[in-house]
Amino acid sequence: MAIGLILYKGRARQALRNIGAMIAALFSFRLPPHQVSLDNPDALKVPFGVAVALTVILYEGAHALGKV
C-alpha cells in the first residue's frame, strides 16, 4: 500500500533518496538527517485502519476461495 501511494504521488525518487540516507546512516553509525523523519510534515502517511481493513478483506477473500 505504501509503495502504491509513493508511486501515485510521484515521490519514488525522494523515497529512494531517503532509503539511501537511512542505509548510509546505518553503516556510519549515525542518525539519518532530520528530513528523514516521521515528524516531517511533508511525509506521506498510510492510514493504519485502511491498511488493516484491506488486508482483512483480501485474506478473507483468499480464504473463501481456498487459497489460504
C-alpha atoms as a PDB file:
ATOM      1  CA  MET A   1       0.000   0.000   0.000  1.00  0.00           C
ATOM      2  CA  ALA A   2       2.860   2.354   0.819  1.00  0.00           C
ATOM      3  CA  ILE A   3       4.592   1.625  -2.479  1.00  0.00           C
ATOM      4  CA  GLY A   4       1.357   2.302  -4.352  1.00  0.00           C
ATOM      5  CA  LEU A   5       0.936   5.617  -2.529  1.00  0.00           C
ATOM      6  CA  ILE A   6       4.535   6.633  -3.295  1.00  0.00           C
ATOM      7  CA  LEU A   7       4.080   5.860  -6.986  1.00  0.00           C
ATOM      8  CA  TYR A   8       0.679   7.570  -7.123  1.00  0.00           C
ATOM      9  CA  LYS A   9       2.059  10.764  -5.560  1.00  0.00           C
ATOM     10  CA  GLY A  10       5.154  10.693  -7.809  1.00  0.00           C
ATOM     11  CA  ARG A  11       7.608  10.583  -4.907  1.00  0.00           C
ATOM     12  CA  ALA A  12       9.626   7.483  -5.846  1.00  0.00           C
ATOM     13  CA  ARG A  13      12.862   9.430  -6.326  1.00  0.00           C
ATOM     14  CA  GLN A  14      12.518  11.061  -2.890  1.00  0.00           C
ATOM     15  CA  ALA A  15      11.684   7.704  -1.289  1.00  0.00           C
ATOM     16  CA  LEU A  16      14.791   6.102  -2.802  1.00  0.00           C
ATOM     17  CA  ARG A  17      16.890   9.055  -1.636  1.00  0.00           C
ATOM     18  CA  ASN A  18      15.516   8.644   1.895  1.00  0.00           C
ATOM     19  CA  ILE A  19      16.228   4.901   1.875  1.00  0.00           C
ATOM     20  CA  GLY A  20      19.791   5.620   0.747  1.00  0.00           C
ATOM     21  CA  ALA A  21      20.216   8.164   3.559  1.00  0.00           C
ATOM     22  CA  MET A  22      18.945   5.654   6.117  1.00  0.00           C
ATOM     23  CA  ILE A  23      21.280   2.915   4.854  1.00  0.00           C
ATOM     24  CA  ALA A  24      24.240   5.327   4.863  1.00  0.00           C
ATOM     25  CA  ALA A  25      23.374   6.379   8.419  1.00  0.00           C
ATOM     26  CA  LEU A  26      23.173   2.728   9.468  1.00  0.00           C
ATOM     27  CA  PHE A  27      26.646   1.913   8.164  1.00  0.00           C
ATOM     28  CA  SER A  28      28.188   5.113   9.558  1.00  0.00           C
ATOM     29  CA  PHE A  29      26.581   4.565  12.986  1.00  0.00           C
ATOM     30  CA  ARG A  30      24.867   7.980  12.881  1.00  0.00           C
ATOM     31  CA  LEU A  31      21.283   9.172  12.896  1.00  0.00           C
ATOM     32  CA  PRO A  32      19.722   9.881   9.499  1.00  0.00           C
ATOM     33  CA  PRO A  33      19.233  13.549   8.532  1.00  0.00           C
ATOM     34  CA  HIS A  34      16.260  15.357  10.058  1.00  0.00           C
ATOM     35  CA  GLN A  35      14.439  15.327   6.676  1.00  0.00           C
ATOM     36  CA  VAL A  36      14.128  11.543   7.029  1.00  0.00           C
ATOM     37  CA  SER A  37      11.766  11.519   9.990  1.00  0.00           C
ATOM     38  CA  LEU A  38       8.211  10.562  10.811  1.00  0.00           C
ATOM     39  CA  ASP A  39       7.816  14.045  12.265  1.00  0.00           C
ATOM     40  CA  ASN A  40       8.324  15.592   8.814  1.00  0.00           C
ATOM     41  CA  PRO A  41       5.027  17.296   7.866  1.00  0.00           C
ATOM     42  CA  ASP A  42       5.708  16.580   4.161  1.00  0.00           C
ATOM     43  CA  ALA A  43       5.977  12.820   4.772  1.00  0.00           C
ATOM     44  CA  LEU A  44       3.313  10.635   3.189  1.00  0.00           C
ATOM     45  CA  LYS A  45       1.166   8.842   5.723  1.00  0.00           C
ATOM     46  CA  VAL A  46      -0.573   5.497   5.225  1.00  0.00           C
ATOM     47  CA  PRO A  47      -3.777   5.284   7.304  1.00  0.00           C
ATOM     48  CA  PHE A  48      -3.332   2.209   9.512  1.00  0.00           C
ATOM     49  CA  GLY A  49      -7.038   1.374   9.695  1.00  0.00           C
ATOM     50  CA  VAL A  50      -7.425   1.363   5.916  1.00  0.00           C
ATOM     51  CA  ALA A  51      -4.363  -0.880   5.511  1.00  0.00           C
ATOM     52  CA  VAL A  52      -5.658  -3.354   8.113  1.00  0.00           C
ATOM     53  CA  ALA A  53      -9.171  -3.379   6.628  1.00  0.00           C
ATOM     54  CA  LEU A  54      -7.800  -4.022   3.138  1.00  0.00           C
ATOM     55  CA  THR A  55      -5.607  -6.846   4.464  1.00  0.00           C
ATOM     56  CA  VAL A  56      -8.543  -8.492   6.250  1.00  0.00           C
ATOM     57  CA  ILE A  57     -10.743  -8.256   3.146  1.00  0.00           C
ATOM     58  CA  LEU A  58      -8.027  -9.752   0.924  1.00  0.00           C
ATOM     59  CA  TYR A  59      -7.291 -12.511   3.442  1.00  0.00           C
ATOM     60  CA  GLU A  60     -10.953 -13.429   3.840  1.00  0.00           C
ATOM     61  CA  GLY A  61     -11.397 -13.452   0.052  1.00  0.00           C
ATOM     62  CA  ALA A  62      -8.419 -15.757  -0.356  1.00  0.00           C
ATOM     63  CA  HIS A  63      -9.676 -17.956   2.480  1.00  0.00           C
ATOM     64  CA  ALA A  64     -13.131 -18.198   0.872  1.00  0.00           C
ATOM     65  CA  LEU A  65     -11.511 -19.294  -2.406  1.00  0.00           C
ATOM     66  CA  GLY A  66      -9.420 -21.907  -0.592  1.00  0.00           C
ATOM     67  CA  LYS A  67      -6.101 -20.197  -1.343  1.00  0.00           C
ATOM     68  CA  VAL A  68      -5.111 -19.872   2.336  1.00  0.00           C
END
